[in-house]
Amino acid sequence: MTEAPRLEAALLALTQSVQTLIEETRVTNNNLNSLVEHLYTRNDVVANDVVDIKNELYEFKEVFKQQALTADRYANAAQAQALAAQAQAESVKVQSDTAKTQADNIRLMIEMLNRKQA
């Protein structure tokens, strides 16, 4: 009969250990659930961030495209202005040559008049 109290004490100790393990398992399970929930939430945040980044990249691409078109227009305008300046320079040269020819003609006329008078 002395075995019975020892068995009963061992069974009680085993029951308490099982209860402790059950409680620790619940806590661990809750921690795992919280971690999984956090990971799902974090995954959603990352997915939203990826969408935001893709949208911003698309907007940057559109802005860069518009800037490239504007730069192209400026380049074309600058080229047109350069051609206009070149044409204007050629016109000025023609006018200068014409003025030089007129000056030579006037000089010759003056020389002829001076010879007539002499």
Protein backbone atom coordinates (compact mmCIF):
# COMPACT_ATOMS: atom_id res chain seq x y z
CA MET A 1 0.00 0.00 0.00
CA THR A 2 2.91 2.35 0.33
CA GLU A 3 3.20 2.24 -3.42
CA ALA A 4 -0.16 3.87 -3.93
CA PRO A 5 0.71 7.25 -2.35
CA ARG A 6 3.95 7.40 -4.34
CA LEU A 7 2.12 6.56 -7.55
CA GLU A 8 -0.51 9.11 -6.70
CA ALA A 9 2.17 11.78 -6.06
CA ALA A 10 3.96 10.87 -9.31
CA LEU A 11 0.65 10.99 -11.21
CA LEU A 12 -0.13 14.39 -9.66
CA ALA A 13 3.35 15.69 -10.60
CA LEU A 14 2.90 14.31 -14.13
CA THR A 15 -0.54 15.97 -14.39
CA GLN A 16 0.94 19.31 -13.28
CA SER A 17 3.77 18.96 -15.81
CA VAL A 18 1.24 18.20 -18.56
CA GLN A 19 -0.82 21.25 -17.50
CA THR A 20 2.32 23.42 -17.62
CA LEU A 21 3.20 22.04 -21.07
CA ILE A 22 -0.37 22.67 -22.27
CA GLU A 23 -0.18 26.29 -21.06
CA GLU A 24 3.26 26.80 -22.63
CA THR A 25 1.93 25.28 -25.86
CA ARG A 26 -0.99 27.75 -25.82
CA VAL A 27 1.39 30.68 -25.28
CA THR A 28 3.70 29.41 -28.05
CA ASN A 29 0.70 28.93 -30.35
CA ASN A 30 -0.51 32.48 -29.61
CA ASN A 31 3.00 33.82 -30.28
CA LEU A 32 3.12 31.91 -33.57
CA ASN A 33 -0.32 33.24 -34.54
CA SER A 34 0.81 36.78 -33.74
CA LEU A 35 3.97 36.27 -35.78
CA VAL A 36 2.01 34.88 -38.73
CA GLU A 37 -0.44 37.79 -38.52
CA HIS A 38 2.47 40.23 -38.38
CA LEU A 39 4.07 38.56 -41.41
CA TYR A 40 0.81 38.73 -43.37
CA THR A 41 0.42 42.38 -42.41
CA ARG A 42 4.04 43.08 -43.33
CA ASN A 43 3.56 41.25 -46.63
CA ASP A 44 0.53 43.46 -47.38
CA VAL A 45 2.55 46.57 -46.51
CA VAL A 46 5.41 45.44 -48.76
CA ALA A 47 2.97 44.61 -51.57
CA ASN A 48 1.42 48.08 -51.23
CA ASP A 49 4.89 49.64 -51.20
CA VAL A 50 5.77 47.75 -54.38
CA VAL A 51 2.60 49.03 -56.06
CA ASP A 52 3.40 52.58 -54.91
CA ILE A 53 6.96 52.30 -56.22
CA LYS A 54 5.72 50.95 -59.56
CA ASN A 55 3.27 53.86 -59.82
CA GLU A 56 6.00 56.38 -58.99
CA LEU A 57 8.33 54.79 -61.54
CA TYR A 58 5.60 55.03 -64.17
CA GLU A 59 5.06 58.70 -63.28
CA PHE A 60 8.82 59.37 -63.49
CA LYS A 61 8.90 57.60 -66.86
CA GLU A 62 6.09 59.84 -68.12
CA VAL A 63 7.80 62.97 -66.77
CA PHE A 64 11.11 61.94 -68.38
CA LYS A 65 9.30 61.25 -71.64
CA GLN A 66 7.75 64.74 -71.55
CA GLN A 67 11.12 66.27 -70.69
CA ALA A 68 12.73 64.43 -73.61
CA LEU A 69 10.04 65.75 -75.95
CA THR A 70 10.54 69.27 -74.61
CA ALA A 71 14.31 68.96 -74.99
CA ASP A 72 13.80 67.74 -78.55
CA ARG A 73 11.58 70.75 -79.30
CA TYR A 74 14.21 73.07 -77.83
CA ALA A 75 16.90 71.39 -79.92
CA ASN A 76 14.79 71.82 -83.06
CA ALA A 77 14.11 75.46 -82.19
CA ALA A 78 17.82 76.05 -81.56
CA GLN A 79 18.65 74.45 -84.90
CA ALA A 80 16.08 76.66 -86.64
CA GLN A 81 17.52 79.72 -84.91
CA ALA A 82 21.02 78.71 -85.98
CA LEU A 83 19.85 78.37 -89.58
CA ALA A 84 18.11 81.76 -89.36
CA ALA A 85 21.27 83.32 -87.90
CA GLN A 86 23.33 81.78 -90.70
CA ALA A 87 20.92 83.14 -93.32
CA GLN A 88 21.02 86.53 -91.64
CA ALA A 89 24.83 86.47 -91.61
CA GLU A 90 24.84 85.64 -95.32
CA SER A 91 22.41 88.51 -95.94
CA VAL A 92 24.64 90.89 -93.99
CA LYS A 93 27.63 89.73 -96.05
CA VAL A 94 25.71 90.37 -99.28
CA GLN A 95 24.72 93.82 -98.00
CA SER A 96 28.33 94.48 -97.02
CA ASP A 97 29.56 93.41 -100.46
CA THR A 98 26.89 95.60 -102.07
CA ALA A 99 27.91 98.57 -99.92
CA LYS A 100 31.57 97.96 -100.82
CA THR A 101 30.69 97.82 -104.53
CA GLN A 102 28.66 101.03 -104.20
CA ALA A 103 31.54 102.70 -102.38
CA ASP A 104 33.93 101.60 -105.15
CA ASN A 105 31.51 102.95 -107.77
CA ILE A 106 31.21 106.28 -105.96
CA ARG A 107 35.01 106.48 -105.66
CA LEU A 108 35.36 105.79 -109.41
CA MET A 109 32.72 108.42 -110.22
CA ILE A 110 34.56 110.96 -108.05
CA GLU A 111 37.84 110.11 -109.80
CA MET A 112 36.16 110.52 -113.21
CA LEU A 113 34.70 113.88 -112.17
CA ASN A 114 38.07 114.99 -110.87
CA ARG A 115 39.68 114.01 -114.19
CA LYS A 116 37.02 115.88 -116.16
CA GLN A 117 37.53 118.98 -114.09
CA ALA A 118 41.29 118.77 -114.36
